[in-house]
PDB file of N, CA and C in Angstrom:
ATOM      1  N   UNK A   1      71.365  29.682  -6.377  1.00  0.00           N
ATOM      2  CA  UNK A   1      72.484  29.056  -6.839  1.00  0.00           C
ATOM      3  C   UNK A   1      72.466  27.484  -6.457  1.00  0.00           C
ATOM      4  N   UNK A   2      72.045  27.290  -5.388  1.00  0.00           N
ATOM      5  CA  UNK A   2      71.857  25.843  -4.932  1.00  0.00           C
ATOM      6  C   UNK A   2      70.938  25.021  -5.823  1.00  0.00           C
ATOM      7  N   UNK A   3      69.770  25.673  -6.160  1.00  0.00           N
ATOM      8  CA  UNK A   3      68.813  24.990  -6.980  1.00  0.00           C
ATOM      9  C   UNK A   3      69.307  24.734  -8.379  1.00  0.00           C
ATOM     10  N   UNK A   4      70.027  25.645  -8.824  1.00  0.00           N
ATOM     11  CA  UNK A   4      70.653  25.466 -10.270  1.00  0.00           C
ATOM     12  C   UNK A   4      71.607  24.187 -10.265  1.00  0.00           C
ATOM     13  N   UNK A   5      72.395  24.105  -9.250  1.00  0.00           N
ATOM     14  CA  UNK A   5      73.320  22.962  -9.086  1.00  0.00           C
ATOM     15  C   UNK A   5      72.591  21.665  -8.941  1.00  0.00           C
ATOM     16  N   UNK A   6      71.535  21.690  -8.141  1.00  0.00           N
ATOM     17  CA  UNK A   6      70.649  20.497  -8.008  1.00  0.00           C
ATOM     18  C   UNK A   6      69.951  20.103  -9.323  1.00  0.00           C
ATOM     19  N   UNK A   7      69.457  21.032 -10.049  1.00  0.00           N
ATOM     20  CA  UNK A   7      68.924  20.789 -11.392  1.00  0.00           C
ATOM     21  C   UNK A   7      69.895  20.215 -12.291  1.00  0.00           C
ATOM     22  N   UNK A   8      71.005  20.755 -12.299  1.00  0.00           N
ATOM     23  CA  UNK A   8      72.140  20.224 -13.137  1.00  0.00           C
ATOM     24  C   UNK A   8      72.509  18.805 -12.803  1.00  0.00           C
ATOM     25  N   UNK A   9      72.732  18.574 -11.575  1.00  0.00           N
ATOM     26  CA  UNK A   9      73.027  17.255 -11.061  1.00  0.00           C
ATOM     27  C   UNK A   9      71.798  16.243 -11.403  1.00  0.00           C
ATOM     28  N   UNK A  10      70.611  16.698 -11.268  1.00  0.00           N
ATOM     29  CA  UNK A  10      69.464  15.805 -11.597  1.00  0.00           C
ATOM     30  C   UNK A  10      69.412  15.550 -13.052  1.00  0.00           C
ATOM     31  N   UNK A  11      69.640  16.508 -13.879  1.00  0.00           N
ATOM     32  CA  UNK A  11      69.713  16.368 -15.286  1.00  0.00           C
ATOM     33  C   UNK A  11      70.843  15.318 -15.706  1.00  0.00           C
ATOM     34  N   UNK A  12      71.953  15.514 -15.204  1.00  0.00           N
ATOM     35  CA  UNK A  12      73.015  14.635 -15.377  1.00  0.00           C
ATOM     36  C   UNK A  12      72.722  13.092 -15.082  1.00  0.00           C
ATOM     37  N   UNK A  13      72.113  12.913 -13.834  1.00  0.00           N
ATOM     38  CA  UNK A  13      71.601  11.699 -13.525  1.00  0.00           C
ATOM     39  C   UNK A  13      70.628  11.107 -14.429  1.00  0.00           C
ATOM     40  N   UNK A  14      69.714  11.838 -14.888  1.00  0.00           N
ATOM     41  CA  UNK A  14      68.731  11.369 -15.892  1.00  0.00           C
ATOM     42  C   UNK A  14      69.393  10.934 -17.199  1.00  0.00           C
ATOM     43  N   UNK A  15      70.402  11.761 -17.575  1.00  0.00           N
ATOM     44  CA  UNK A  15      71.035  11.405 -18.850  1.00  0.00           C
ATOM     45  C   UNK A  15      71.885  10.053 -18.676  1.00  0.00           C
ATOM     46  N   UNK A  16      72.467   9.942 -17.540  1.00  0.00           N
ATOM     47  CA  UNK A  16      73.251   8.697 -17.237  1.00  0.00           C
ATOM     48  C   UNK A  16      72.286   7.496 -17.241  1.00  0.00           C
ATOM     49  N   UNK A  17      71.125   7.575 -16.662  1.00  0.00           N
ATOM     50  CA  UNK A  17      70.285   6.571 -16.618  1.00  0.00           C
ATOM     51  C   UNK A  17      69.660   6.153 -18.000  1.00  0.00           C
ATOM     52  N   UNK A  18      69.420   7.206 -18.772  1.00  0.00           N
ATOM     53  CA  UNK A  18      68.940   6.954 -20.059  1.00  0.00           C
ATOM     54  C   UNK A  18      70.005   6.361 -21.000  1.00  0.00           C
ATOM     55  N   UNK A  19      71.169   6.739 -20.804  1.00  0.00           N
ATOM     56  CA  UNK A  19      72.270   6.085 -21.539  1.00  0.00           C
ATOM     57  C   UNK A  19      72.550   4.724 -21.228  1.00  0.00           C
ATOM     58  N   UNK A  20      72.423   4.368 -19.998  1.00  0.00           N
ATOM     59  CA  UNK A  20      72.515   2.949 -19.575  1.00  0.00           C
ATOM     60  C   UNK A  20      71.448   2.173 -20.158  1.00  0.00           C
ATOM     61  N   UNK A  21      70.283   2.665 -20.195  1.00  0.00           N
ATOM     62  CA  UNK A  21      69.203   1.867 -20.736  1.00  0.00           C
ATOM     63  C   UNK A  21      69.278   1.627 -22.176  1.00  0.00           C
ATOM     64  N   UNK A  22      69.757   2.647 -22.928  1.00  0.00           N
ATOM     65  CA  UNK A  22      70.044   2.445 -24.409  1.00  0.00           C
ATOM     66  C   UNK A  22      71.129   1.518 -24.699  1.00  0.00           C
ATOM     67  N   UNK A  23      72.150   1.388 -23.907  1.00  0.00           N
ATOM     68  CA  UNK A  23      73.268   0.650 -24.043  1.00  0.00           C
ATOM     69  C   UNK A  23      72.848  -0.829 -23.865  1.00  0.00           C
ATOM     70  N   UNK A  24      71.964  -1.022 -22.825  1.00  0.00           N
ATOM     71  CA  UNK A  24      71.508  -2.420 -22.644  1.00  0.00           C
ATOM     72  C   UNK A  24      70.613  -2.856 -23.653  1.00  0.00           C
ATOM     73  N   UNK A  25      69.832  -1.879 -24.422  1.00  0.00           N
ATOM     74  CA  UNK A  25      68.911  -2.243 -25.383  1.00  0.00           C
ATOM     75  C   UNK A  25      69.442  -2.702 -26.693  1.00  0.00           C
ATOM     76  N   UNK A  26      70.796  -2.496 -26.974  1.00  0.00           N
ATOM     77  CA  UNK A  26      71.311  -2.838 -28.255  1.00  0.00           C
ATOM     78  C   UNK A  26      72.482  -3.901 -28.110  1.00  0.00           C
ATOM     79  N   UNK A  27      72.124  -5.037 -28.025  1.00  0.00           N
ATOM     80  CA  UNK A  27      73.203  -6.075 -27.852  1.00  0.00           C
ATOM     81  C   UNK A  27      73.421  -6.837 -29.198  1.00  0.00           C
ATOM     82  N   UNK A  28      74.017  -8.028 -29.241  1.00  0.00           N
ATOM     83  CA  UNK A  28      74.420  -8.765 -30.361  1.00  0.00           C
ATOM     84  C   UNK A  28      73.033  -9.053 -31.229  1.00  0.00           C
ATOM     85  N   UNK A  29      72.003  -9.196 -30.564  1.00  0.00           N
ATOM     86  CA  UNK A  29      70.722  -9.483 -31.178  1.00  0.00           C
ATOM     87  C   UNK A  29      69.761  -8.355 -31.254  1.00  0.00           C
ATOM     88  N   UNK A  30      70.241  -7.223 -31.234  1.00  0.00           N
ATOM     89  CA  UNK A  30      69.400  -6.010 -31.237  1.00  0.00           C
ATOM     90  C   UNK A  30      68.783  -5.672 -29.849  1.00  0.00           C
ATOM     91  N   UNK A  31      67.585  -5.494 -29.816  1.00  0.00           N
ATOM     92  CA  UNK A  31      66.811  -5.191 -28.626  1.00  0.00           C
ATOM     93  C   UNK A  31      66.519  -6.479 -27.770  1.00  0.00           C
ATOM     94  N   UNK A  32      66.559  -7.585 -28.338  1.00  0.00           N
ATOM     95  CA  UNK A  32      66.190  -8.904 -27.733  1.00  0.00           C
ATOM     96  C   UNK A  32      67.322  -9.537 -27.081  1.00  0.00           C
ATOM     97  N   UNK A  33      67.418  -9.740 -25.824  1.00  0.00           N
ATOM     98  CA  UNK A  33      68.656 -10.376 -25.210  1.00  0.00           C
ATOM     99  C   UNK A  33      68.853 -11.815 -25.784  1.00  0.00           C
ATOM    100  N   UNK A  34      70.050 -12.194 -25.910  1.00  0.00           N
ATOM    101  CA  UNK A  34      70.475 -13.394 -26.490  1.00  0.00           C
ATOM    102  C   UNK A  34      69.769 -14.579 -25.696  1.00  0.00           C
ATOM    103  N   UNK A  35      69.673 -14.510 -24.357  1.00  0.00           N
ATOM    104  CA  UNK A  35      68.916 -15.462 -23.592  1.00  0.00           C
ATOM    105  C   UNK A  35      67.646 -15.793 -24.057  1.00  0.00           C
ATOM    106  N   UNK A  36      66.835 -14.639 -24.348  1.00  0.00           N
ATOM    107  CA  UNK A  36      65.481 -14.793 -24.798  1.00  0.00           C
ATOM    108  C   UNK A  36      65.467 -15.397 -26.213  1.00  0.00           C
ATOM    109  N   UNK A  37      66.414 -15.052 -27.023  1.00  0.00           N
ATOM    110  CA  UNK A  37      66.457 -15.563 -28.471  1.00  0.00           C
ATOM    111  C   UNK A  37      66.744 -16.996 -28.407  1.00  0.00           C
ATOM    112  N   UNK A  38      67.466 -17.439 -27.345  1.00  0.00           N
ATOM    113  CA  UNK A  38      67.859 -18.884 -27.210  1.00  0.00           C
ATOM    114  C   UNK A  38      66.587 -19.723 -27.129  1.00  0.00           C
ATOM    115  N   UNK A  39      65.519 -19.188 -26.468  1.00  0.00           N
ATOM    116  CA  UNK A  39      64.256 -19.842 -26.277  1.00  0.00           C
ATOM    117  C   UNK A  39      63.662 -20.302 -27.585  1.00  0.00           C
ATOM    118  N   UNK A  40      63.911 -19.402 -28.560  1.00  0.00           N
ATOM    119  CA  UNK A  40      63.209 -19.627 -29.898  1.00  0.00           C
ATOM    120  C   UNK A  40      63.863 -20.901 -30.539  1.00  0.00           C
ATOM    121  N   UNK A  41      65.101 -21.466 -30.033  1.00  0.00           N
ATOM    122  CA  UNK A  41      65.705 -22.588 -30.588  1.00  0.00           C
ATOM    123  C   UNK A  41      65.273 -23.904 -29.919  1.00  0.00           C
ATOM    124  N   UNK A  42      64.192 -23.945 -29.308  1.00  0.00           N
ATOM    125  CA  UNK A  42      63.606 -25.137 -28.712  1.00  0.00           C
ATOM    126  C   UNK A  42      63.565 -26.212 -29.700  1.00  0.00           C
ATOM    127  N   UNK A  43      63.113 -26.022 -31.012  1.00  0.00           N
ATOM    128  CA  UNK A  43      62.887 -27.167 -32.001  1.00  0.00           C
ATOM    129  C   UNK A  43      64.282 -27.609 -32.278  1.00  0.00           C
ATOM    130  N   UNK A  44      65.476 -27.061 -31.949  1.00  0.00           N
ATOM    131  CA  UNK A  44      66.776 -27.487 -32.204  1.00  0.00           C
ATOM    132  C   UNK A  44      67.431 -28.346 -31.085  1.00  0.00           C
ATOM    133  N   UNK A  45      66.700 -28.637 -30.100  1.00  0.00           N
ATOM    134  CA  UNK A  45      67.350 -29.195 -28.919  1.00  0.00           C
ATOM    135  C   UNK A  45      68.190 -30.467 -29.313  1.00  0.00           C
ATOM    136  N   UNK A  46      67.604 -31.403 -29.943  1.00  0.00           N
ATOM    137  CA  UNK A  46      68.484 -32.609 -30.337  1.00  0.00           C
ATOM    138  C   UNK A  46      69.578 -32.434 -31.193  1.00  0.00           C
ATOM    139  N   UNK A  47      69.433 -31.379 -32.197  1.00  0.00           N
ATOM    140  CA  UNK A  47      70.411 -31.083 -33.179  1.00  0.00           C
ATOM    141  C   UNK A  47      71.601 -30.345 -32.558  1.00  0.00           C
ATOM    142  N   UNK A  48      71.326 -29.690 -31.350  1.00  0.00           N
ATOM    143  CA  UNK A  48      72.454 -28.951 -30.761  1.00  0.00           C
ATOM    144  C   UNK A  48      73.280 -29.874 -29.947  1.00  0.00           C
ATOM    145  N   UNK A  49      72.919 -31.012 -29.744  1.00  0.00           N
ATOM    146  CA  UNK A  49      73.683 -32.021 -28.892  1.00  0.00           C
ATOM    147  C   UNK A  49      74.330 -33.117 -29.705  1.00  0.00           C
ATOM    148  N   UNK A  50      73.793 -33.446 -30.888  1.00  0.00           N
ATOM    149  CA  UNK A  50      74.185 -34.569 -31.571  1.00  0.00           C
ATOM    150  C   UNK A  50      74.349 -34.229 -33.051  1.00  0.00           C
ATOM    151  N   UNK A  51      75.540 -34.280 -33.571  1.00  0.00           N
ATOM    152  CA  UNK A  51      75.940 -33.752 -34.973  1.00  0.00           C
ATOM    153  C   UNK A  51      75.213 -34.690 -36.038  1.00  0.00           C
ATOM    154  N   UNK A  52      74.691 -35.830 -35.516  1.00  0.00           N
ATOM    155  CA  UNK A  52      74.023 -36.757 -36.626  1.00  0.00           C
ATOM    156  C   UNK A  52      72.537 -36.607 -36.454  1.00  0.00           C
ATOM    157  N   UNK A  53      71.983 -35.901 -35.552  1.00  0.00           N
ATOM    158  CA  UNK A  53      70.571 -35.817 -35.387  1.00  0.00           C
ATOM    159  C   UNK A  53      69.919 -35.068 -36.604  1.00  0.00           C
ATOM    160  N   UNK A  54      68.755 -35.516 -36.946  1.00  0.00           N
ATOM    161  CA  UNK A  54      67.973 -34.802 -38.044  1.00  0.00           C
ATOM    162  C   UNK A  54      67.640 -33.409 -37.531  1.00  0.00           C
ATOM    163  N   UNK A  55      67.806 -32.312 -38.274  1.00  0.00           N
ATOM    164  CA  UNK A  55      67.460 -30.991 -37.872  1.00  0.00           C
ATOM    165  C   UNK A  55      65.924 -30.761 -38.283  1.00  0.00           C
ATOM    166  N   UNK A  56      65.188 -30.441 -37.279  1.00  0.00           N
ATOM    167  CA  UNK A  56      63.696 -30.202 -37.642  1.00  0.00           C
ATOM    168  C   UNK A  56      63.509 -28.902 -38.458  1.00  0.00           C
ATOM    169  N   UNK A  57      62.453 -28.964 -39.347  1.00  0.00           N
ATOM    170  CA  UNK A  57      62.166 -27.809 -40.142  1.00  0.00           C
ATOM    171  C   UNK A  57      62.025 -26.542 -39.282  1.00  0.00           C
ATOM    172  N   UNK A  58      61.366 -26.592 -38.240  1.00  0.00           N
ATOM    173  CA  UNK A  58      61.186 -25.379 -37.287  1.00  0.00           C
ATOM    174  C   UNK A  58      62.526 -24.868 -36.797  1.00  0.00           C
ATOM    175  N   UNK A  59      63.473 -25.774 -36.517  1.00  0.00           N
ATOM    176  CA  UNK A  59      64.795 -25.352 -36.217  1.00  0.00           C
ATOM    177  C   UNK A  59      65.513 -24.556 -37.258  1.00  0.00           C
ATOM    178  N   UNK A  60      65.325 -25.082 -38.453  1.00  0.00           N
ATOM    179  CA  UNK A  60      65.982 -24.436 -39.643  1.00  0.00           C
ATOM    180  C   UNK A  60      65.362 -23.019 -39.880  1.00  0.00           C
ATOM    181  N   UNK A  61      64.162 -22.897 -39.640  1.00  0.00           N
ATOM    182  CA  UNK A  61      63.404 -21.636 -39.851  1.00  0.00           C
ATOM    183  C   UNK A  61      63.996 -20.525 -38.857  1.00  0.00           C
ATOM    184  N   UNK A  62      64.110 -20.982 -37.553  1.00  0.00           N
ATOM    185  CA  UNK A  62      64.696 -20.181 -36.487  1.00  0.00           C
ATOM    186  C   UNK A  62      66.162 -19.814 -36.843  1.00  0.00           C
ATOM    187  N   UNK A  63      66.797 -20.878 -37.214  1.00  0.00           N
ATOM    188  CA  UNK A  63      68.367 -20.551 -37.472  1.00  0.00           C
ATOM    189  C   UNK A  63      68.456 -19.686 -38.634  1.00  0.00           C
ATOM    190  N   UNK A  64      67.613 -19.746 -39.685  1.00  0.00           N
ATOM    191  CA  UNK A  64      67.627 -18.831 -40.841  1.00  0.00           C
ATOM    192  C   UNK A  64      67.437 -17.387 -40.406  1.00  0.00           C
ATOM    193  N   UNK A  65      66.530 -17.217 -39.485  1.00  0.00           N
ATOM    194  CA  UNK A  65      66.265 -15.844 -39.020  1.00  0.00           C
ATOM    195  C   UNK A  65      67.333 -15.336 -38.154  1.00  0.00           C
ATOM    196  N   UNK A  66      67.761 -16.151 -37.134  1.00  0.00           N
ATOM    197  CA  UNK A  66      68.800 -15.718 -36.241  1.00  0.00           C
ATOM    198  C   UNK A  66      70.126 -15.596 -36.978  1.00  0.00           C
ATOM    199  N   UNK A  67      70.432 -16.479 -37.899  1.00  0.00           N
ATOM    200  CA  UNK A  67      71.683 -16.621 -38.540  1.00  0.00           C
ATOM    201  C   UNK A  67      72.058 -15.432 -39.525  1.00  0.00           C
ATOM    202  N   UNK A  68      71.008 -14.548 -39.670  1.00  0.00           N
ATOM    203  CA  UNK A  68      71.316 -13.315 -40.437  1.00  0.00           C
ATOM    204  C   UNK A  68      72.556 -12.563 -39.858  1.00  0.00           C
ATOM    205  N   UNK A  69      72.643 -12.679 -38.516  1.00  0.00           N
ATOM    206  CA  UNK A  69      73.661 -12.009 -37.892  1.00  0.00           C
ATOM    207  C   UNK A  69      74.617 -12.976 -37.125  1.00  0.00           C
ATOM    208  N   UNK A  70      75.768 -13.244 -37.731  1.00  0.00           N
ATOM    209  CA  UNK A  70      76.666 -14.216 -36.997  1.00  0.00           C
ATOM    210  C   UNK A  70      76.793 -13.936 -35.580  1.00  0.00           C
ATOM    211  N   UNK A  71      77.015 -12.658 -35.234  1.00  0.00           N
ATOM    212  CA  UNK A  71      77.206 -12.272 -33.751  1.00  0.00           C
ATOM    213  C   UNK A  71      76.010 -12.639 -32.907  1.00  0.00           C
ATOM    214  N   UNK A  72      74.835 -12.541 -33.479  1.00  0.00           N
ATOM    215  CA  UNK A  72      73.680 -12.881 -32.683  1.00  0.00           C
ATOM    216  C   UNK A  72      73.650 -14.420 -32.550  1.00  0.00           C
ATOM    217  N   UNK A  73      73.823 -15.119 -33.599  1.00  0.00           N
ATOM    218  CA  UNK A  73      73.816 -16.508 -33.480  1.00  0.00           C
ATOM    219  C   UNK A  73      74.841 -17.029 -32.488  1.00  0.00           C
ATOM    220  N   UNK A  74      76.064 -16.467 -32.529  1.00  0.00           N
ATOM    221  CA  UNK A  74      77.097 -16.816 -31.440  1.00  0.00           C
ATOM    222  C   UNK A  74      76.650 -16.661 -30.002  1.00  0.00           C
ATOM    223  N   UNK A  75      76.086 -15.383 -29.940  1.00  0.00           N
ATOM    224  CA  UNK A  75      75.674 -15.060 -28.501  1.00  0.00           C
ATOM    225  C   UNK A  75      74.545 -15.857 -28.113  1.00  0.00           C
ATOM    226  N   UNK A  76      73.705 -16.353 -28.953  1.00  0.00           N
ATOM    227  CA  UNK A  76      72.538 -17.322 -28.566  1.00  0.00           C
ATOM    228  C   UNK A  76      73.139 -18.650 -28.241  1.00  0.00           C
ATOM    229  N   UNK A  77      74.105 -19.195 -29.109  1.00  0.00           N
ATOM    230  CA  UNK A  77      74.553 -20.515 -28.843  1.00  0.00           C
ATOM    231  C   UNK A  77      75.528 -20.512 -27.535  1.00  0.00           C
ATOM    232  N   UNK A  78      76.121 -19.370 -27.198  1.00  0.00           N
ATOM    233  CA  UNK A  78      76.936 -19.311 -25.908  1.00  0.00           C
ATOM    234  C   UNK A  78      76.122 -18.752 -24.724  1.00  0.00           C
ATOM    235  N   UNK A  79      74.952 -18.505 -24.913  1.00  0.00           N
ATOM    236  CA  UNK A  79      74.169 -17.839 -23.829  1.00  0.00           C
ATOM    237  C   UNK A  79      73.956 -18.865 -22.672  1.00  0.00           C
ATOM    238  N   UNK A  80      73.662 -18.343 -21.534  1.00  0.00           N
ATOM    239  CA  UNK A  80      73.526 -19.099 -20.268  1.00  0.00           C
ATOM    240  C   UNK A  80      72.221 -20.040 -20.487  1.00  0.00           C
ATOM    241  N   UNK A  81      71.254 -19.555 -21.157  1.00  0.00           N
ATOM    242  CA  UNK A  81      70.084 -20.335 -21.426  1.00  0.00           C
ATOM    243  C   UNK A  81      70.482 -21.635 -22.353  1.00  0.00           C
ATOM    244  N   UNK A  82      71.268 -21.385 -23.339  1.00  0.00           N
ATOM    245  CA  UNK A  82      71.617 -22.575 -24.175  1.00  0.00           C
ATOM    246  C   UNK A  82      72.580 -23.492 -23.384  1.00  0.00           C
ATOM    247  N   UNK A  83      73.509 -22.939 -22.609  1.00  0.00           N
ATOM    248  CA  UNK A  83      74.271 -23.775 -21.697  1.00  0.00           C
ATOM    249  C   UNK A  83      73.448 -24.681 -20.764  1.00  0.00           C
ATOM    250  N   UNK A  84      72.470 -24.009 -20.109  1.00  0.00           N
ATOM    251  CA  UNK A  84      71.641 -24.857 -19.246  1.00  0.00           C
ATOM    252  C   UNK A  84      70.840 -25.864 -19.892  1.00  0.00           C
ATOM    253  N   UNK A  85      70.592 -25.752 -21.203  1.00  0.00           N
ATOM    254  CA  UNK A  85      69.751 -26.664 -21.866  1.00  0.00           C
ATOM    255  C   UNK A  85      70.634 -27.769 -22.494  1.00  0.00           C
ATOM    256  N   UNK A  86      71.921 -27.604 -22.250  1.00  0.00           N
ATOM    257  CA  UNK A  86      72.850 -28.749 -22.743  1.00  0.00           C
ATOM    258  C   UNK A  86      73.366 -28.528 -24.096  1.00  0.00           C
ATOM    259  N   UNK A  87      73.287 -27.330 -24.626  1.00  0.00           N
ATOM    260  CA  UNK A  87      73.741 -27.056 -26.005  1.00  0.00           C
ATOM    261  C   UNK A  87      75.313 -27.257 -26.142  1.00  0.00           C
ATOM    262  N   UNK A  88      75.689 -27.891 -27.104  1.00  0.00           N
ATOM    263  CA  UNK A  88      77.072 -28.098 -27.387  1.00  0.00           C
ATOM    264  C   UNK A  88      77.362 -27.030 -28.428  1.00  0.00           C
ATOM    265  N   UNK A  89      78.109 -25.899 -28.121  1.00  0.00           N
ATOM    266  CA  UNK A  89      78.316 -24.828 -29.156  1.00  0.00           C
ATOM    267  C   UNK A  89      78.913 -25.360 -30.456  1.00  0.00           C
ATOM    268  N   UNK A  90      79.938 -26.217 -30.314  1.00  0.00           N
ATOM    269  CA  UNK A  90      80.600 -26.723 -31.509  1.00  0.00           C
ATOM    270  C   UNK A  90      79.560 -27.494 -32.497  1.00  0.00           C
ATOM    271  N   UNK A  91      78.694 -28.255 -31.826  1.00  0.00           N
ATOM    272  CA  UNK A  91      77.678 -29.089 -32.582  1.00  0.00           C
ATOM    273  C   UNK A  91      76.645 -27.939 -33.108  1.00  0.00           C
ATOM    274  N   UNK A  92      76.223 -27.040 -32.302  1.00  0.00           N
ATOM    275  CA  UNK A  92      75.126 -26.109 -32.695  1.00  0.00           C
ATOM    276  C   UNK A  92      75.616 -25.268 -33.842  1.00  0.00           C
ATOM    277  N   UNK A  93      76.891 -24.905 -33.993  1.00  0.00           N
ATOM    278  CA  UNK A  93      77.308 -24.144 -35.044  1.00  0.00           C
ATOM    279  C   UNK A  93      77.307 -24.877 -36.430  1.00  0.00           C
ATOM    280  N   UNK A  94      77.101 -26.122 -36.356  1.00  0.00           N
ATOM    281  CA  UNK A  94      77.001 -26.930 -37.702  1.00  0.00           C
ATOM    282  C   UNK A  94      75.539 -26.856 -38.194  1.00  0.00           C
ATOM    283  N   UNK A  95      74.715 -26.379 -37.403  1.00  0.00           N
ATOM    284  CA  UNK A  95      73.147 -26.480 -37.823  1.00  0.00           C
ATOM    285  C   UNK A  95      72.927 -25.639 -39.085  1.00  0.00           C
ATOM    286  N   UNK A  96      73.454 -24.555 -39.194  1.00  0.00           N
ATOM    287  CA  UNK A  96      73.272 -23.738 -40.580  1.00  0.00           C
ATOM    288  C   UNK A  96      73.631 -24.565 -41.794  1.00  0.00           C
ATOM    289  N   UNK A  97      74.819 -25.306 -41.725  1.00  0.00           N
ATOM    290  CA  UNK A  97      75.076 -26.160 -42.869  1.00  0.00           C
ATOM    291  C   UNK A  97      74.216 -27.288 -42.904  1.00  0.00           C
ATOM    292  N   UNK A  98      73.816 -27.954 -41.789  1.00  0.00           N
ATOM    293  CA  UNK A  98      72.909 -29.049 -41.882  1.00  0.00           C
ATOM    294  C   UNK A  98      71.504 -28.654 -42.318  1.00  0.00           C
ATOM    295  N   UNK A  99      71.194 -27.318 -42.243  1.00  0.00           N
ATOM    296  CA  UNK A  99      69.886 -26.892 -42.772  1.00  0.00           C
ATOM    297  C   UNK A  99      70.085 -26.484 -44.210  1.00  0.00           C
ATOM    298  N   UNK A 100      71.304 -26.650 -44.688  1.00  0.00           N
ATOM    299  CA  UNK A 100      71.561 -26.211 -46.195  1.00  0.00           C
ATOM    300  C   UNK A 100      71.210 -24.751 -46.495  1.00  0.00           C
ATOM    301  N   UNK A 101      71.652 -23.849 -45.596  1.00  0.00           N
ATOM    302  CA  UNK A 101      71.310 -22.470 -45.739  1.00  0.00           C
ATOM    303  C   UNK A 101      72.393 -21.954 -46.720  1.00  0.00           C
ATOM    304  N   UNK A 102      71.965 -21.351 -47.764  1.00  0.00           N
ATOM    305  CA  UNK A 102      72.796 -20.849 -48.762  1.00  0.00           C
ATOM    306  C   UNK A 102      73.682 -19.694 -48.187  1.00  0.00           C
ATOM    307  N   UNK A 103      73.024 -18.784 -47.441  1.00  0.00           N
ATOM    308  CA  UNK A 103      73.706 -17.626 -47.021  1.00  0.00           C
ATOM    309  C   UNK A 103      74.268 -17.781 -45.581  1.00  0.00           C
ATOM    310  N   UNK A 104      74.771 -18.884 -45.188  1.00  0.00           N
ATOM    311  CA  UNK A 104      75.232 -19.064 -43.883  1.00  0.00           C
ATOM    312  C   UNK A 104      76.568 -18.390 -43.709  1.00  0.00           C
ATOM    313  N   UNK A 105      76.889 -18.062 -42.331  1.00  0.00           N
ATOM    314  CA  UNK A 105      78.161 -17.511 -42.153  1.00  0.00           C
ATOM    315  C   UNK A 105      79.273 -18.608 -42.218  1.00  0.00           C
ATOM    316  N   UNK A 106      80.103 -18.625 -43.145  1.00  0.00           N
ATOM    317  CA  UNK A 106      81.087 -19.649 -43.397  1.00  0.00           C
ATOM    318  C   UNK A 106      82.402 -19.326 -42.691  1.00  0.00           C
ATOM    319  N   UNK A 107      82.943 -20.252 -41.890  1.00  0.00           N
ATOM    320  CA  UNK A 107      84.189 -19.931 -41.323  1.00  0.00           C
ATOM    321  C   UNK A 107      84.154 -19.052 -40.073  1.00  0.00           C
ATOM    322  N   UNK A 108      82.929 -18.687 -39.641  1.00  0.00           N
ATOM    323  CA  UNK A 108      82.727 -17.806 -38.476  1.00  0.00           C
ATOM    324  C   UNK A 108      82.939 -18.562 -37.193  1.00  0.00           C
ATOM    325  N   UNK A 109      83.878 -18.200 -36.331  1.00  0.00           N
ATOM    326  CA  UNK A 109      84.013 -18.896 -35.081  1.00  0.00           C
ATOM    327  C   UNK A 109      83.569 -18.097 -33.958  1.00  0.00           C
ATOM    328  N   UNK A 110      82.991 -18.799 -33.029  1.00  0.00           N
ATOM    329  CA  UNK A 110      82.399 -18.104 -31.848  1.00  0.00           C
ATOM    330  C   UNK A 110      83.321 -18.278 -30.697  1.00  0.00           C
ATOM    331  N   UNK A 111      83.141 -17.304 -29.699  1.00  0.00           N
ATOM    332  CA  UNK A 111      83.965 -17.402 -28.612  1.00  0.00           C
ATOM    333  C   UNK A 111      85.384 -17.257 -28.707  1.00  0.00           C
TER     334      UNK A 111
END
């Protein structure tokens, strides 16, 4: 009887660990954490701090990719990686418009 209870407890622990791993794997940007996605915005450094700065073509390409999901874009712009890099979220959220993206999230507010 004791081994049956031990097996049940072990199985419950395994399910709990598997559930926690799955929950961590599906964030705003899918399986990629927002902090790691923020690293892809390196070409946008000047444009995230100055609303008058020219937006680099490489930046627009990354914004086009990330901007398919407004939740992901917000998570990236508000991530600790972005904060540490000096990103100003209000300025950063103007980049999709400055890149002239036709399918940009209009009126979407972060935070």
